[in-house]
């Protein structure tokens, strides 16, 4: 494969990758998009409670 052929191949790959990246839209992150994603059941409430206890322990000096 010649240098010119390799360069042409790399340029084509770059164009394809650039088009993929430019086509990606950022994810909107706010509380409205996460509310309701976890079910309101015993397991979720238990996980929330454990997380809250851990955060309190982390805040202690």
PDB file of N, CA and C in Angstrom:
ATOM      1  N   UNK A   1       0.858  -1.167   0.000  1.00  0.00           N
ATOM      2  CA  UNK A   1       0.000   0.000   0.000  1.00  0.00           C
ATOM      3  C   UNK A   1       0.908   1.235   0.000  1.00  0.00           C
ATOM      4  N   UNK A   2       0.615   2.159  -0.859  1.00  0.00           N
ATOM      5  CA  UNK A   2       1.437   3.357  -0.946  1.00  0.00           C
ATOM      6  C   UNK A   2       1.026   4.360   0.130  1.00  0.00           C
ATOM      7  N   UNK A   3       1.873   5.327   0.339  1.00  0.00           N
ATOM      8  CA  UNK A   3       1.586   6.378   1.316  1.00  0.00           C
ATOM      9  C   UNK A   3       0.323   7.135   0.905  1.00  0.00           C
ATOM     10  N   UNK A   4       0.159   7.386  -0.363  1.00  0.00           N
ATOM     11  CA  UNK A   4      -1.019   8.104  -0.853  1.00  0.00           C
ATOM     12  C   UNK A   4      -2.301   7.314  -0.594  1.00  0.00           C
ATOM     13  N   UNK A   5      -2.234   5.995  -0.818  1.00  0.00           N
ATOM     14  CA  UNK A   5      -3.401   5.153  -0.570  1.00  0.00           C
ATOM     15  C   UNK A   5      -3.736   5.124   0.926  1.00  0.00           C
ATOM     16  N   UNK A   6      -2.694   4.999   1.730  1.00  0.00           N
ATOM     17  CA  UNK A   6      -2.904   4.975   3.182  1.00  0.00           C
ATOM     18  C   UNK A   6      -3.484   6.304   3.665  1.00  0.00           C
ATOM     19  N   UNK A   7      -2.974   7.413   3.130  1.00  0.00           N
ATOM     20  CA  UNK A   7      -3.489   8.729   3.501  1.00  0.00           C
ATOM     21  C   UNK A   7      -4.953   8.874   3.086  1.00  0.00           C
ATOM     22  N   UNK A   8      -5.302   8.411   1.920  1.00  0.00           N
ATOM     23  CA  UNK A   8      -6.688   8.483   1.449  1.00  0.00           C
ATOM     24  C   UNK A   8      -7.603   7.659   2.355  1.00  0.00           C
ATOM     25  N   UNK A   9      -7.131   6.496   2.767  1.00  0.00           N
ATOM     26  CA  UNK A   9      -7.911   5.640   3.670  1.00  0.00           C
ATOM     27  C   UNK A   9      -8.111   6.323   5.024  1.00  0.00           C
ATOM     28  N   UNK A  10      -7.046   6.902   5.567  1.00  0.00           N
ATOM     29  CA  UNK A  10      -7.138   7.599   6.853  1.00  0.00           C
ATOM     30  C   UNK A  10      -8.061   8.816   6.763  1.00  0.00           C
ATOM     31  N   UNK A  11      -8.003   9.533   5.663  1.00  0.00           N
ATOM     32  CA  UNK A  11      -8.888  10.685   5.481  1.00  0.00           C
ATOM     33  C   UNK A  11     -10.347  10.247   5.456  1.00  0.00           C
ATOM     34  N   UNK A  12     -10.634   9.134   4.805  1.00  0.00           N
ATOM     35  CA  UNK A  12     -12.006   8.624   4.759  1.00  0.00           C
ATOM     36  C   UNK A  12     -12.471   8.201   6.157  1.00  0.00           C
ATOM     37  N   UNK A  13     -11.609   7.534   6.912  1.00  0.00           N
ATOM     38  CA  UNK A  13     -11.953   7.143   8.273  1.00  0.00           C
ATOM     39  C   UNK A  13     -12.212   8.373   9.137  1.00  0.00           C
ATOM     40  N   UNK A  14     -11.399   9.414   8.949  1.00  0.00           N
ATOM     41  CA  UNK A  14     -11.577  10.644   9.704  1.00  0.00           C
ATOM     42  C   UNK A  14     -12.935  11.270   9.402  1.00  0.00           C
ATOM     43  N   UNK A  15     -13.304  11.310   8.138  1.00  0.00           N
ATOM     44  CA  UNK A  15     -14.593  11.882   7.747  1.00  0.00           C
ATOM     45  C   UNK A  15     -15.737  11.109   8.403  1.00  0.00           C
ATOM     46  N   UNK A  16     -15.653   9.787   8.386  1.00  0.00           N
ATOM     47  CA  UNK A  16     -16.696   8.962   8.995  1.00  0.00           C
ATOM     48  C   UNK A  16     -16.784   9.201  10.500  1.00  0.00           C
ATOM     49  N   UNK A  17     -15.644   9.239  11.177  1.00  0.00           N
ATOM     50  CA  UNK A  17     -15.642   9.481  12.624  1.00  0.00           C
ATOM     51  C   UNK A  17     -16.152  10.878  12.957  1.00  0.00           C
ATOM     52  N   UNK A  18     -15.740  11.870  12.169  1.00  0.00           N
ATOM     53  CA  UNK A  18     -16.200  13.242  12.396  1.00  0.00           C
ATOM     54  C   UNK A  18     -17.715  13.321  12.254  1.00  0.00           C
ATOM     55  N   UNK A  19     -18.260  12.668  11.252  1.00  0.00           N
ATOM     56  CA  UNK A  19     -19.705  12.681  11.051  1.00  0.00           C
ATOM     57  C   UNK A  19     -20.435  12.004  12.209  1.00  0.00           C
ATOM     58  N   UNK A  20     -19.859  10.952  12.749  1.00  0.00           N
ATOM     59  CA  UNK A  20     -20.466  10.274  13.897  1.00  0.00           C
ATOM     60  C   UNK A  20     -20.454  11.191  15.116  1.00  0.00           C
ATOM     61  N   UNK A  21     -19.331  11.825  15.381  1.00  0.00           N
ATOM     62  CA  UNK A  21     -19.201  12.677  16.557  1.00  0.00           C
ATOM     63  C   UNK A  21     -20.118  13.898  16.443  1.00  0.00           C
ATOM     64  N   UNK A  22     -20.157  14.511  15.294  1.00  0.00           N
ATOM     65  CA  UNK A  22     -21.003  15.693  15.124  1.00  0.00           C
ATOM     66  C   UNK A  22     -22.484  15.340  15.190  1.00  0.00           C
ATOM     67  N   UNK A  23     -22.806  14.094  14.919  1.00  0.00           N
ATOM     68  CA  UNK A  23     -24.199  13.661  14.971  1.00  0.00           C
ATOM     69  C   UNK A  23     -24.672  13.334  16.373  1.00  0.00           C
ATOM     70  N   UNK A  24     -23.746  13.240  17.317  1.00  0.00           N
ATOM     71  CA  UNK A  24     -24.096  12.899  18.692  1.00  0.00           C
ATOM     72  C   UNK A  24     -24.587  14.155  19.401  1.00  0.00           C
ATOM     73  N   UNK A  25     -25.741  14.050  20.026  1.00  0.00           N
ATOM     74  CA  UNK A  25     -26.290  15.183  20.769  1.00  0.00           C
ATOM     75  C   UNK A  25     -26.019  14.960  22.256  1.00  0.00           C
ATOM     76  N   UNK A  26     -25.666  16.006  22.997  1.00  0.00           N
ATOM     77  CA  UNK A  26     -25.417  15.847  24.428  1.00  0.00           C
ATOM     78  C   UNK A  26     -26.694  15.447  25.164  1.00  0.00           C
ATOM     79  N   UNK A  27     -26.522  14.651  26.180  1.00  0.00           N
ATOM     80  CA  UNK A  27     -27.644  14.196  26.984  1.00  0.00           C
ATOM     81  C   UNK A  27     -28.044  15.315  27.936  1.00  0.00           C
ATOM     82  N   UNK A  28     -29.323  15.596  27.985  1.00  0.00           N
ATOM     83  CA  UNK A  28     -29.823  16.617  28.894  1.00  0.00           C
ATOM     84  C   UNK A  28     -29.881  16.007  30.289  1.00  0.00           C
ATOM     85  N   UNK A  29     -29.115  16.601  31.211  1.00  0.00           N
ATOM     86  CA  UNK A  29     -29.061  16.059  32.567  1.00  0.00           C
ATOM     87  C   UNK A  29     -29.684  17.063  33.541  1.00  0.00           C
ATOM     88  N   UNK A  30     -30.827  16.749  34.045  1.00  0.00           N
ATOM     89  CA  UNK A  30     -31.448  17.538  35.093  1.00  0.00           C
ATOM     90  C   UNK A  30     -32.359  16.619  35.893  1.00  0.00           C
ATOM     91  N   UNK A  31     -32.873  17.130  36.965  1.00  0.00           N
ATOM     92  CA  UNK A  31     -33.664  16.275  37.850  1.00  0.00           C
ATOM     93  C   UNK A  31     -34.940  15.777  37.178  1.00  0.00           C
ATOM     94  N   UNK A  32     -35.484  16.550  36.242  1.00  0.00           N
ATOM     95  CA  UNK A  32     -36.726  16.136  35.591  1.00  0.00           C
ATOM     96  C   UNK A  32     -36.546  14.876  34.738  1.00  0.00           C
ATOM     97  N   UNK A  33     -35.340  14.689  34.210  1.00  0.00           N
ATOM     98  CA  UNK A  33     -35.116  13.515  33.364  1.00  0.00           C
ATOM     99  C   UNK A  33     -34.824  12.258  34.179  1.00  0.00           C
ATOM    100  N   UNK A  34     -34.577  12.404  35.488  1.00  0.00           N
ATOM    101  CA  UNK A  34     -34.280  11.234  36.307  1.00  0.00           C
ATOM    102  C   UNK A  34     -35.422  10.846  37.246  1.00  0.00           C
ATOM    103  N   UNK A  35     -36.363  11.757  37.491  1.00  0.00           N
ATOM    104  CA  UNK A  35     -37.486  11.452  38.374  1.00  0.00           C
ATOM    105  C   UNK A  35     -38.303  10.318  37.771  1.00  0.00           C
ATOM    106  N   UNK A  36     -38.571   9.315  38.598  1.00  0.00           N
ATOM    107  CA  UNK A  36     -39.389   8.201  38.160  1.00  0.00           C
ATOM    108  C   UNK A  36     -38.630   7.077  37.484  1.00  0.00           C
ATOM    109  N   UNK A  37     -37.302   7.196  37.381  1.00  0.00           N
ATOM    110  CA  UNK A  37     -36.553   6.122  36.734  1.00  0.00           C
ATOM    111  C   UNK A  37     -36.353   4.935  37.677  1.00  0.00           C
ATOM    112  N   UNK A  38     -36.460   5.177  38.962  1.00  0.00           N
ATOM    113  CA  UNK A  38     -36.332   4.097  39.946  1.00  0.00           C
ATOM    114  C   UNK A  38     -37.727   3.774  40.480  1.00  0.00           C
ATOM    115  N   UNK A  39     -38.042   2.497  40.621  1.00  0.00           N
ATOM    116  CA  UNK A  39     -39.360   2.137  41.151  1.00  0.00           C
ATOM    117  C   UNK A  39     -39.459   2.481  42.637  1.00  0.00           C
ATOM    118  N   UNK A  40     -40.651   2.759  43.102  1.00  0.00           N
ATOM    119  CA  UNK A  40     -40.880   3.026  44.525  1.00  0.00           C
ATOM    120  C   UNK A  40     -41.214   1.704  45.200  1.00  0.00           C
ATOM    121  N   UNK A  41     -40.159   0.959  45.562  1.00  0.00           N
ATOM    122  CA  UNK A  41     -40.355  -0.317  46.229  1.00  0.00           C
ATOM    123  C   UNK A  41     -39.393  -0.423  47.404  1.00  0.00           C
ATOM    124  N   UNK A  42     -39.472  -1.526  48.136  1.00  0.00           N
ATOM    125  CA  UNK A  42     -38.639  -1.702  49.334  1.00  0.00           C
ATOM    126  C   UNK A  42     -37.147  -1.658  49.017  1.00  0.00           C
ATOM    127  N   UNK A  43     -36.738  -2.265  47.938  1.00  0.00           N
ATOM    128  CA  UNK A  43     -35.329  -2.310  47.571  1.00  0.00           C
ATOM    129  C   UNK A  43     -34.795  -0.898  47.295  1.00  0.00           C
ATOM    130  N   UNK A  44     -35.550  -0.109  46.551  1.00  0.00           N
ATOM    131  CA  UNK A  44     -35.125   1.253  46.242  1.00  0.00           C
ATOM    132  C   UNK A  44     -35.070   2.103  47.497  1.00  0.00           C
ATOM    133  N   UNK A  45     -36.078   1.994  48.348  1.00  0.00           N
ATOM    134  CA  UNK A  45     -36.073   2.767  49.600  1.00  0.00           C
ATOM    135  C   UNK A  45     -34.900   2.350  50.486  1.00  0.00           C
ATOM    136  N   UNK A  46     -34.585   1.069  50.519  1.00  0.00           N
ATOM    137  CA  UNK A  46     -33.450   0.584  51.300  1.00  0.00           C
ATOM    138  C   UNK A  46     -32.135   1.135  50.737  1.00  0.00           C
ATOM    139  N   UNK A  47     -31.988   1.132  49.440  1.00  0.00           N
ATOM    140  CA  UNK A  47     -30.782   1.673  48.811  1.00  0.00           C
ATOM    141  C   UNK A  47     -30.661   3.164  49.106  1.00  0.00           C
ATOM    142  N   UNK A  48     -31.759   3.890  49.046  1.00  0.00           N
ATOM    143  CA  UNK A  48     -31.745   5.323  49.343  1.00  0.00           C
ATOM    144  C   UNK A  48     -31.307   5.561  50.786  1.00  0.00           C
ATOM    145  N   UNK A  49     -31.851   4.756  51.700  1.00  0.00           N
ATOM    146  CA  UNK A  49     -31.513   4.904  53.114  1.00  0.00           C
ATOM    147  C   UNK A  49     -30.028   4.619  53.343  1.00  0.00           C
ATOM    148  N   UNK A  50     -29.499   3.561  52.737  1.00  0.00           N
ATOM    149  CA  UNK A  50     -28.078   3.250  52.883  1.00  0.00           C
ATOM    150  C   UNK A  50     -27.202   4.364  52.318  1.00  0.00           C
ATOM    151  N   UNK A  51     -27.604   4.907  51.194  1.00  0.00           N
ATOM    152  CA  UNK A  51     -26.857   6.015  50.597  1.00  0.00           C
ATOM    153  C   UNK A  51     -26.870   7.237  51.486  1.00  0.00           C
ATOM    154  N   UNK A  52     -28.009   7.522  52.078  1.00  0.00           N
ATOM    155  CA  UNK A  52     -28.124   8.669  52.977  1.00  0.00           C
ATOM    156  C   UNK A  52     -27.242   8.484  54.205  1.00  0.00           C
ATOM    157  N   UNK A  53     -27.231   7.273  54.769  1.00  0.00           N
ATOM    158  CA  UNK A  53     -26.372   6.991  55.926  1.00  0.00           C
ATOM    159  C   UNK A  53     -24.897   7.136  55.551  1.00  0.00           C
ATOM    160  N   UNK A  54     -24.524   6.660  54.390  1.00  0.00           N
ATOM    161  CA  UNK A  54     -23.128   6.760  53.943  1.00  0.00           C
ATOM    162  C   UNK A  54     -22.719   8.218  53.774  1.00  0.00           C
ATOM    163  N   UNK A  55     -23.605   9.030  53.153  1.00  0.00           N
ATOM    164  CA  UNK A  55     -23.286  10.447  52.965  1.00  0.00           C
ATOM    165  C   UNK A  55     -23.105  11.155  54.298  1.00  0.00           C
ATOM    166  N   UNK A  56     -23.927  10.820  55.291  1.00  0.00           N
ATOM    167  CA  UNK A  56     -23.797  11.415  56.625  1.00  0.00           C
ATOM    168  C   UNK A  56     -22.459  11.030  57.256  1.00  0.00           C
ATOM    169  N   UNK A  57     -22.042   9.779  57.105  1.00  0.00           N
ATOM    170  CA  UNK A  57     -20.760   9.328  57.654  1.00  0.00           C
ATOM    171  C   UNK A  57     -19.600  10.030  56.972  1.00  0.00           C
ATOM    172  N   UNK A  58     -19.701  10.285  55.680  1.00  0.00           N
ATOM    173  CA  UNK A  58     -18.640  10.954  54.937  1.00  0.00           C
ATOM    174  C   UNK A  58     -18.486  12.408  55.360  1.00  0.00           C
ATOM    175  N   UNK A  59     -19.565  13.018  55.843  1.00  0.00           N
ATOM    176  CA  UNK A  59     -19.512  14.422  56.255  1.00  0.00           C
ATOM    177  C   UNK A  59     -18.894  14.589  57.637  1.00  0.00           C
ATOM    178  N   UNK A  60     -18.892  13.545  58.433  1.00  0.00           N
ATOM    179  CA  UNK A  60     -18.325  13.623  59.789  1.00  0.00           C
ATOM    180  C   UNK A  60     -16.806  13.778  59.710  1.00  0.00           C
ATOM    181  N   UNK A  61     -16.244  14.619  60.593  1.00  0.00           N
ATOM    182  CA  UNK A  61     -14.773  14.828  60.571  1.00  0.00           C
ATOM    183  C   UNK A  61     -13.967  13.644  60.997  1.00  0.00           C
TER     184      UNK A  61
END
